[in-house]
Amino acid sequence: MKRILFYTIFLTQGGGIEVATINYMKELIKEGYKVDLYVDYNMGKDNIREKEIKKISKEINIKYLKSEKISKIIYKLRTLGKRNRIFNFPMYFLIILSDYFIWKKELKIIEKIKYDTTITFFQFLPSYITKLKGPTHLIFLHGAVSNFFIGIRKYFKNSYLKKLKKYNYVCTVSQGIAKELIEFFPILKGKERIVYNPIEFDLIENKSKDISELVKEEEKLIKESYICSVGRLDEKDKDFTTLIKAFNILIKENNVKEKLFLIGDGPDKLKLEGLVKELGIASNVKFLGKKTNPYIWMKNSRLFVLSSKSEGFGLVLLEALFLGKKVISSDCPVGPKEILKNGKYGSLFTVGDIEGLSKLLKEKLLEKELENAEEIKKYILSKFVNKIF
C-alpha cells in the first residue's frame, strides 16, 4: 500500500482549500492509499473539518504542527496587520521561527516512515518537507501567481523560485495559474501540472436538498427571493464591498424585491456590516455566517455572484453552475473566465466595477432560469474531473 503525507494549512470551515482537502482525503482513501495528514495551524474548536475527515476513515492520522496558542497569536497578528503593516513583521518572524523548530523535530520523526509521495497543499507552506529523501514531492498553487509578490513578498520572488525548484512537480488548480507560473518562472517549464480540485457532485446535489440543518428562522429566510454569495469575508481577495455597493444601486434605482444573502465569516465581517448600515440597507442584506451546508442556500437563490479580486480557481462558482444557477463573476485572475468558458455560461464584469455589476444584477434577475443547465453539467463533468495520480 502506497503511503502519502498530505500537508495542508487549516481544518477550519474556510473555503475552497479546506473543501478540497476533505475531497482529497476521500479520493485517496478510496484509491487505497494510506494517508497521514499534517495541518499547519491548530485553531482549537474551530477545527470543524476534522470531524468530516474522521468520518472518512479512522486510519487517517491527523497531526497539528503549531500549537493552538501559537496558531491563534499568528492569526491575531495577521488580522492586526490588515490595519497596520507593522504587525506583519512579528507575524512573519513568529511563523519562520516556529516552522524552523517544528520541522527540525518533525523531520527526524517522519524520515523513519517510508512515504511514497508528499503533497504540500498550499503555496506559502514551508518547504522543509522536501528534505525527505525518497518521496516524490508535489506542491499545489491555489492563487494567481501575480498576486504572490505584492507588498513585502515582492522581495522574496527569487527565494520563492528556489523553493518551488525543490519539488518534483508544481500542481496548479487552473490553466490560468499554470500559464502565469511559466510566465514568471520559465525555468519551471515541464514541472507544472494542472490538477483540478476533486468535487463531490453527488454530495453537493444531495446537500442542496437537505433542510435538516436549518433553524426555524432560516426555514423562512430560504423561501425568500434572494441573491447569494459565498466566501470568506476577507476584502484582500474577495471584494464583497463591490457586491454590496452594486446591490445598493440595484435596490435604490429599481423596483427590486430580492435580498442579498452573504454566507461566510472572516476578519472583515464588522467592516462590511458597517458599510451595509452606512448605506441604509441593513434590512436587505443578511450575513448568514459560516454554513457547513451552503448548497441549499445556493440552490434556492435567484442568482449567484462571485465578486472576488483574485481566485485560484473559484470552486464555489463551479458548484453554483452545477446546481443550475445563473451566475455573475468578476473577471479576476485566474479561474472564473476558464470556468464560464469566456462568458458563455455566465456573465463576467471587470473587477471592482460597481456600476457594471449593478447592471448585470438587474439583467440577470430579469432573465428566465437557465435553459441549458444540462449542457452546463455535461461541460463541467467532462472538463473539470481529473485525478492527482
Protein backbone atom coordinates (compact mmCIF):
# COMPACT_ATOMS: atom_id res chain seq x y z
CA MET A 1 0.00 0.00 0.00
CA LYS A 2 1.43 3.37 -1.03
CA ARG A 3 1.76 5.96 1.71
CA ILE A 4 1.13 9.69 1.31
CA LEU A 5 1.90 12.63 3.60
CA PHE A 6 -0.64 15.38 2.90
CA TYR A 7 0.30 18.78 4.32
CA THR A 8 -2.39 21.48 4.47
CA ILE A 9 -2.87 24.79 6.24
CA PHE A 10 -6.19 24.71 8.19
CA LEU A 11 -9.09 22.40 9.07
CA THR A 12 -11.47 25.26 9.81
CA GLN A 13 -14.69 25.95 7.91
CA GLY A 14 -12.62 28.02 5.49
CA GLY A 15 -13.24 27.90 1.77
CA GLY A 16 -12.02 26.12 -1.35
CA ILE A 17 -8.75 24.77 0.08
CA GLU A 18 -10.44 23.25 3.12
CA VAL A 19 -13.19 21.69 0.99
CA ALA A 20 -10.60 20.33 -1.46
CA THR A 21 -8.61 18.84 1.45
CA ILE A 22 -11.68 16.85 2.53
CA ASN A 23 -12.34 15.71 -1.02
CA TYR A 24 -8.74 14.60 -1.50
CA MET A 25 -8.87 12.59 1.72
CA LYS A 26 -11.94 10.76 0.39
CA GLU A 27 -10.40 10.18 -3.02
CA LEU A 28 -7.03 8.95 -1.76
CA ILE A 29 -8.57 6.57 0.78
CA LYS A 30 -10.95 5.28 -1.91
CA GLU A 31 -7.98 4.64 -4.20
CA GLY A 32 -6.34 2.54 -1.49
CA TYR A 33 -3.62 4.90 -0.23
CA LYS A 34 -2.50 5.16 3.38
CA VAL A 35 -2.73 8.86 4.28
CA ASP A 36 -1.21 10.91 7.09
CA LEU A 37 -2.49 14.48 7.36
CA TYR A 38 -0.29 17.28 8.67
CA VAL A 39 -2.12 20.54 9.46
CA ASP A 40 -0.04 23.69 9.92
CA TYR A 41 -2.37 25.62 12.24
CA ASN A 42 -4.40 24.34 15.17
CA MET A 43 -7.42 26.60 15.63
CA GLY A 44 -8.92 24.60 18.51
CA LYS A 45 -12.70 24.37 18.50
CA ASP A 46 -12.76 25.92 15.01
CA ASN A 47 -11.16 22.78 13.51
CA ILE A 48 -14.62 21.66 12.39
CA ARG A 49 -13.34 19.87 9.27
CA GLU A 50 -11.57 17.35 11.50
CA LYS A 51 -14.89 15.63 12.21
CA GLU A 52 -15.52 15.23 8.48
CA ILE A 53 -12.11 13.62 7.99
CA LYS A 54 -12.63 11.19 10.86
CA LYS A 55 -15.89 10.12 9.23
CA ILE A 56 -13.98 9.25 6.05
CA SER A 57 -11.58 6.86 7.79
CA LYS A 58 -10.30 6.32 11.30
CA GLU A 59 -6.97 5.35 9.74
CA ILE A 60 -6.18 8.93 8.64
CA ASN A 61 -3.62 10.19 11.15
CA ILE A 62 -4.09 13.92 11.81
CA LYS A 63 -1.31 15.96 13.38
CA TYR A 64 -1.35 19.71 14.05
CA LEU A 65 2.13 21.22 13.80
CA LYS A 66 1.74 24.59 15.51
CA SER A 67 0.16 24.70 18.96
CA GLU A 68 -3.26 26.27 19.39
CA LYS A 69 -1.69 29.17 21.30
CA ILE A 70 0.92 29.95 18.60
CA SER A 71 -1.66 29.48 15.83
CA LYS A 72 -4.06 31.98 17.36
CA ILE A 73 -1.32 34.53 18.05
CA ILE A 74 -0.27 34.37 14.39
CA TYR A 75 -3.90 34.70 13.25
CA LYS A 76 -4.38 37.70 15.55
CA LEU A 77 -1.23 39.38 14.20
CA ARG A 78 -2.45 38.71 10.66
CA THR A 79 -5.76 40.43 11.43
CA LEU A 80 -3.98 43.39 13.04
CA GLY A 81 -1.63 43.54 10.07
CA LYS A 82 -4.54 44.37 7.80
CA ARG A 83 -4.95 47.65 9.70
CA ASN A 84 -1.30 48.39 10.36
CA ARG A 85 1.52 46.66 8.44
CA ILE A 86 3.87 46.94 11.39
CA PHE A 87 2.20 43.82 12.84
CA ASN A 88 3.29 41.82 9.79
CA PHE A 89 6.91 41.82 10.96
CA PRO A 90 6.31 39.98 14.27
CA MET A 91 3.86 37.70 12.43
CA TYR A 92 6.42 36.61 9.81
CA PHE A 93 9.14 36.32 12.47
CA LEU A 94 6.95 34.03 14.57
CA ILE A 95 5.99 31.91 11.53
CA ILE A 96 9.60 31.48 10.38
CA LEU A 97 10.91 30.75 13.88
CA SER A 98 8.18 28.26 14.79
CA ASP A 99 8.45 26.49 11.41
CA TYR A 100 12.21 26.04 11.86
CA PHE A 101 11.95 24.38 15.28
CA ILE A 102 8.84 22.35 14.42
CA TRP A 103 10.34 20.85 11.27
CA LYS A 104 13.73 20.25 12.88
CA LYS A 105 11.89 17.88 15.20
CA GLU A 106 9.36 16.51 12.72
CA LEU A 107 11.87 15.53 10.03
CA LYS A 108 13.56 13.16 12.47
CA ILE A 109 10.20 11.52 13.09
CA ILE A 110 8.85 11.26 9.55
CA GLU A 111 12.09 10.22 7.86
CA LYS A 112 11.58 6.84 9.57
CA ILE A 113 8.30 6.46 7.68
CA LYS A 114 8.81 5.49 4.07
CA TYR A 115 6.43 7.85 2.26
CA ASP A 116 5.95 7.42 -1.47
CA THR A 117 4.61 10.95 -2.01
CA THR A 118 4.26 14.20 -0.10
CA ILE A 119 1.66 16.78 -1.08
CA THR A 120 2.12 20.35 0.14
CA PHE A 121 -1.37 21.74 -0.41
CA PHE A 122 -0.77 25.49 -0.10
CA GLN A 123 1.75 27.70 -1.84
CA PHE A 124 3.01 29.52 1.26
CA LEU A 125 3.65 26.49 3.47
CA PRO A 126 7.37 25.94 4.19
CA SER A 127 9.39 23.50 2.06
CA TYR A 128 11.21 21.63 4.85
CA ILE A 129 9.28 18.52 3.79
CA THR A 130 11.40 18.32 0.61
CA LYS A 131 14.41 17.40 2.74
CA LEU A 132 12.92 13.91 2.92
CA LYS A 133 14.87 11.69 0.54
CA GLY A 134 12.88 9.18 -1.47
CA PRO A 135 9.31 10.50 -1.80
CA THR A 136 8.02 12.37 -4.85
CA HIS A 137 7.25 15.91 -3.68
CA LEU A 138 4.27 17.88 -5.00
CA ILE A 139 3.21 21.44 -4.17
CA PHE A 140 -0.16 22.97 -5.07
CA LEU A 141 -0.68 26.60 -6.08
CA HIS A 142 -4.20 27.87 -5.36
CA GLY A 143 -3.91 31.51 -6.35
CA ALA A 144 -2.81 33.80 -9.14
CA VAL A 145 0.99 33.85 -9.20
CA SER A 146 0.82 37.58 -10.00
CA ASN A 147 -0.63 38.11 -6.51
CA PHE A 148 2.10 36.17 -4.70
CA PHE A 149 4.56 39.06 -4.86
CA ILE A 150 2.51 42.01 -3.63
CA GLY A 151 3.73 44.10 -0.72
CA ILE A 152 6.64 42.74 1.29
CA ARG A 153 6.56 39.47 -0.67
CA LYS A 154 7.95 41.20 -3.77
CA TYR A 155 11.38 40.94 -2.14
CA PHE A 156 11.11 37.16 -1.95
CA LYS A 157 10.48 36.31 -5.60
CA ASN A 158 13.89 34.67 -6.11
CA SER A 159 13.70 32.73 -2.84
CA TYR A 160 10.22 31.54 -3.82
CA LEU A 161 11.60 30.18 -7.09
CA LYS A 162 14.30 28.33 -5.15
CA LYS A 163 11.55 26.85 -3.01
CA LEU A 164 9.49 25.65 -5.98
CA LYS A 165 12.55 24.08 -7.60
CA LYS A 166 12.83 21.74 -4.61
CA TYR A 167 9.59 19.99 -5.61
CA ASN A 168 9.29 17.35 -8.31
CA TYR A 169 6.02 18.80 -9.57
CA VAL A 170 4.23 22.13 -9.18
CA CYS A 171 0.48 21.50 -9.43
CA THR A 172 -1.89 24.31 -10.33
CA VAL A 173 -5.66 24.18 -9.88
CA SER A 174 -6.42 26.05 -13.10
CA GLN A 175 -4.97 26.73 -16.54
CA GLY A 176 -4.57 30.40 -15.68
CA ILE A 177 -2.27 29.69 -12.75
CA ALA A 178 -0.17 27.32 -14.87
CA LYS A 179 0.19 30.00 -17.55
CA GLU A 180 1.24 32.64 -15.01
CA LEU A 181 3.66 30.24 -13.34
CA ILE A 182 5.64 29.74 -16.52
CA GLU A 183 5.48 33.45 -17.40
CA PHE A 184 7.05 34.29 -14.02
CA PHE A 185 9.41 31.30 -13.86
CA PRO A 186 10.17 29.88 -17.34
CA ILE A 187 12.75 27.56 -15.80
CA LEU A 188 9.92 25.52 -14.24
CA LYS A 189 8.59 24.53 -17.66
CA GLY A 190 7.98 20.76 -17.56
CA LYS A 191 7.40 20.69 -13.79
CA GLU A 192 3.91 22.18 -13.95
CA ARG A 193 0.80 20.01 -13.77
CA ILE A 194 -2.82 21.18 -13.99
CA VAL A 195 -4.82 19.24 -11.40
CA TYR A 196 -8.37 20.44 -10.81
CA ASN A 197 -9.54 20.02 -7.23
CA PRO A 198 -11.80 16.99 -6.75
CA ILE A 199 -15.50 17.80 -6.43
CA GLU A 200 -18.15 15.55 -4.88
CA PHE A 201 -21.01 16.33 -7.23
CA ASP A 202 -23.37 13.73 -5.73
CA LEU A 203 -22.81 15.16 -2.25
CA ILE A 204 -23.45 18.71 -3.49
CA GLU A 205 -26.67 17.58 -5.17
CA ASN A 206 -27.88 15.80 -2.02
CA LYS A 207 -26.94 18.64 0.33
CA SER A 208 -28.73 21.17 -1.87
CA LYS A 209 -31.99 19.40 -0.91
CA ASP A 210 -31.17 18.84 2.77
CA ILE A 211 -33.06 21.17 5.12
CA SER A 212 -32.07 19.35 8.33
CA GLU A 213 -29.55 22.00 9.44
CA LEU A 214 -31.92 24.95 9.02
CA VAL A 215 -33.30 26.57 12.17
CA LYS A 216 -36.86 27.97 12.12
CA GLU A 217 -35.81 31.49 11.14
CA GLU A 218 -33.70 30.08 8.28
CA GLU A 219 -36.61 27.98 7.04
CA LYS A 220 -38.45 31.26 6.46
CA LEU A 221 -35.44 33.09 5.02
CA ILE A 222 -34.68 30.43 2.44
CA LYS A 223 -38.16 30.83 0.95
CA GLU A 224 -37.49 34.50 0.21
CA SER A 225 -36.24 35.77 -3.16
CA TYR A 226 -32.52 36.47 -2.83
CA ILE A 227 -29.13 36.84 -4.47
CA CYS A 228 -26.44 34.64 -2.94
CA SER A 229 -22.69 34.91 -2.50
CA VAL A 230 -20.42 32.53 -0.59
CA GLY A 231 -16.87 33.12 0.60
CA ARG A 232 -14.52 34.23 3.31
CA LEU A 233 -15.21 37.79 4.42
CA ASP A 234 -11.70 38.98 3.68
CA GLU A 235 -11.52 42.02 1.41
CA LYS A 236 -7.91 41.41 0.48
CA ASP A 237 -9.11 38.90 -2.11
CA LYS A 238 -12.90 38.63 -2.05
CA ASP A 239 -14.28 42.18 -2.51
CA PHE A 240 -17.79 41.90 -1.06
CA THR A 241 -17.61 45.70 -0.89
CA THR A 242 -18.17 45.95 -4.64
CA LEU A 243 -21.09 43.50 -4.46
CA ILE A 244 -22.76 45.37 -1.58
CA LYS A 245 -22.39 48.74 -3.31
CA ALA A 246 -23.72 47.33 -6.60
CA PHE A 247 -26.66 45.81 -4.77
CA ASN A 248 -27.31 49.16 -3.09
CA ILE A 249 -27.63 50.82 -6.54
CA LEU A 250 -29.86 47.97 -7.74
CA ILE A 251 -32.45 48.28 -4.99
CA LYS A 252 -32.47 52.09 -4.86
CA GLU A 253 -32.79 52.65 -8.61
CA ASN A 254 -35.10 49.74 -9.42
CA ASN A 255 -38.21 48.13 -8.04
CA VAL A 256 -36.38 45.04 -6.80
CA LYS A 257 -37.67 42.80 -4.03
CA GLU A 258 -34.64 40.48 -3.86
CA LYS A 259 -32.37 40.48 -0.82
CA LEU A 260 -28.65 39.76 -0.66
CA PHE A 261 -27.54 36.79 1.45
CA LEU A 262 -23.83 36.53 2.26
CA ILE A 263 -22.55 33.18 3.53
CA GLY A 264 -19.19 33.05 5.27
CA ASP A 265 -17.15 34.65 8.01
CA GLY A 266 -13.81 36.38 8.24
CA PRO A 267 -11.76 39.31 9.55
CA ASP A 268 -13.71 41.96 7.60
CA LYS A 269 -17.20 41.00 8.75
CA LEU A 270 -17.61 44.03 11.04
CA LYS A 271 -16.31 46.36 8.33
CA LEU A 272 -18.83 45.00 5.82
CA GLU A 273 -21.69 45.14 8.32
CA GLY A 274 -20.74 48.78 8.95
CA LEU A 275 -20.89 49.51 5.22
CA VAL A 276 -24.35 47.96 4.96
CA LYS A 277 -25.62 50.14 7.84
CA GLU A 278 -23.98 53.22 6.36
CA LEU A 279 -25.79 52.64 3.06
CA GLY A 280 -29.09 52.13 4.89
CA ILE A 281 -29.73 48.64 3.51
CA ALA A 282 -29.34 46.53 6.68
CA SER A 283 -32.84 45.09 6.22
CA ASN A 284 -31.96 43.98 2.68
CA VAL A 285 -28.61 42.31 3.34
CA LYS A 286 -28.25 39.26 5.56
CA PHE A 287 -24.94 37.98 6.92
CA LEU A 288 -25.68 34.30 7.48
CA GLY A 289 -22.24 33.33 8.82
CA LYS A 290 -20.42 30.05 8.25
CA LYS A 291 -22.50 27.19 6.90
CA THR A 292 -21.46 23.53 6.76
CA ASN A 293 -24.09 23.25 4.04
CA PRO A 294 -24.06 26.34 1.81
CA TYR A 295 -25.51 24.35 -1.10
CA ILE A 296 -29.13 24.55 -0.04
CA TRP A 297 -28.80 28.36 0.05
CA MET A 298 -27.13 28.39 -3.36
CA LYS A 299 -29.75 26.09 -4.85
CA ASN A 300 -32.67 28.20 -3.64
CA SER A 301 -31.22 31.54 -4.73
CA ARG A 302 -32.33 33.52 -7.78
CA LEU A 303 -28.77 34.31 -8.72
CA PHE A 304 -25.23 33.54 -7.57
CA VAL A 305 -22.45 36.18 -7.57
CA LEU A 306 -18.68 35.94 -7.17
CA SER A 307 -17.12 39.41 -6.86
CA SER A 308 -13.51 38.49 -6.00
CA LYS A 309 -10.37 40.46 -6.78
CA SER A 310 -8.49 37.19 -7.11
CA GLU A 311 -9.20 33.46 -7.17
CA GLY A 312 -7.09 30.37 -7.58
CA PHE A 313 -9.91 28.64 -9.35
CA GLY A 314 -13.30 29.71 -7.99
CA LEU A 315 -14.67 26.35 -6.84
CA VAL A 316 -17.85 27.88 -5.46
CA LEU A 317 -18.65 29.28 -8.90
CA LEU A 318 -18.40 25.82 -10.41
CA GLU A 319 -20.64 24.45 -7.67
CA ALA A 320 -23.29 27.11 -8.32
CA LEU A 321 -23.23 26.32 -12.04
CA PHE A 322 -23.59 22.62 -11.30
CA LEU A 323 -26.67 23.40 -9.20
CA GLY A 324 -28.25 25.07 -12.22
CA LYS A 325 -27.94 28.67 -11.06
CA LYS A 326 -27.49 31.79 -13.15
CA VAL A 327 -24.10 33.24 -12.23
CA ILE A 328 -22.19 36.50 -12.39
CA SER A 329 -18.48 36.68 -11.69
CA SER A 330 -15.72 39.24 -11.71
CA ASP A 331 -13.21 38.60 -14.47
CA CYS A 332 -10.49 38.22 -11.88
CA PRO A 333 -7.32 36.22 -12.18
CA VAL A 334 -7.40 33.35 -12.71
CA GLY A 335 -10.30 30.87 -12.62
CA PRO A 336 -13.71 32.42 -13.46
CA LYS A 337 -13.11 33.02 -17.17
CA GLU A 338 -11.98 29.41 -17.54
CA ILE A 339 -14.99 28.05 -15.63
CA LEU A 340 -17.51 30.22 -17.51
CA LYS A 341 -15.88 29.47 -20.86
CA ASN A 342 -15.15 33.16 -21.56
CA GLY A 343 -18.67 34.20 -20.57
CA LYS A 344 -20.65 31.50 -22.40
CA TYR A 345 -22.05 30.02 -19.20
CA GLY A 346 -22.26 33.15 -17.06
CA SER A 347 -21.67 36.90 -17.07
CA LEU A 348 -18.29 38.49 -16.36
CA PHE A 349 -17.60 42.02 -15.14
CA THR A 350 -14.39 43.98 -14.57
CA VAL A 351 -13.00 43.63 -11.05
CA GLY A 352 -14.28 46.46 -8.83
CA ASP A 353 -16.78 47.77 -11.42
CA ILE A 354 -19.74 48.66 -9.19
CA GLU A 355 -21.91 50.16 -11.94
CA GLY A 356 -21.18 47.27 -14.30
CA LEU A 357 -22.10 44.69 -11.68
CA SER A 358 -25.29 46.56 -10.77
CA LYS A 359 -26.43 46.47 -14.42
CA LEU A 360 -25.68 42.75 -14.66
CA LEU A 361 -27.63 42.06 -11.46
CA LYS A 362 -30.67 43.75 -12.98
CA GLU A 363 -30.29 41.93 -16.32
CA LYS A 364 -29.84 38.52 -14.74
CA LEU A 365 -32.83 38.91 -12.42
CA LEU A 366 -35.00 39.69 -15.45
CA GLU A 367 -33.77 36.63 -17.35
CA LYS A 368 -35.53 33.29 -17.23
CA GLU A 369 -34.00 30.43 -15.29
CA LEU A 370 -31.18 28.55 -17.03
CA GLU A 371 -32.43 26.62 -20.04
CA ASN A 372 -29.08 24.95 -20.76
CA ALA A 373 -28.47 23.56 -17.25
CA GLU A 374 -27.94 20.00 -18.53
CA GLU A 375 -25.47 21.21 -21.16
CA ILE A 376 -23.54 23.03 -18.45
CA LYS A 377 -23.48 19.93 -16.23
CA LYS A 378 -22.05 17.83 -19.05
CA TYR A 379 -19.43 20.51 -19.70
CA ILE A 380 -18.41 20.56 -16.01
CA LEU A 381 -18.19 16.78 -15.72
CA SER A 382 -16.15 16.45 -18.91
CA LYS A 383 -13.68 19.29 -18.26
CA PHE A 384 -13.13 19.59 -14.52
CA VAL A 385 -12.88 15.97 -13.37
CA ASN A 386 -9.36 14.55 -13.19
CA LYS A 387 -7.13 12.79 -10.68
CA ILE A 388 -3.89 13.69 -8.92
CA PHE A 389 -2.26 10.33 -9.80
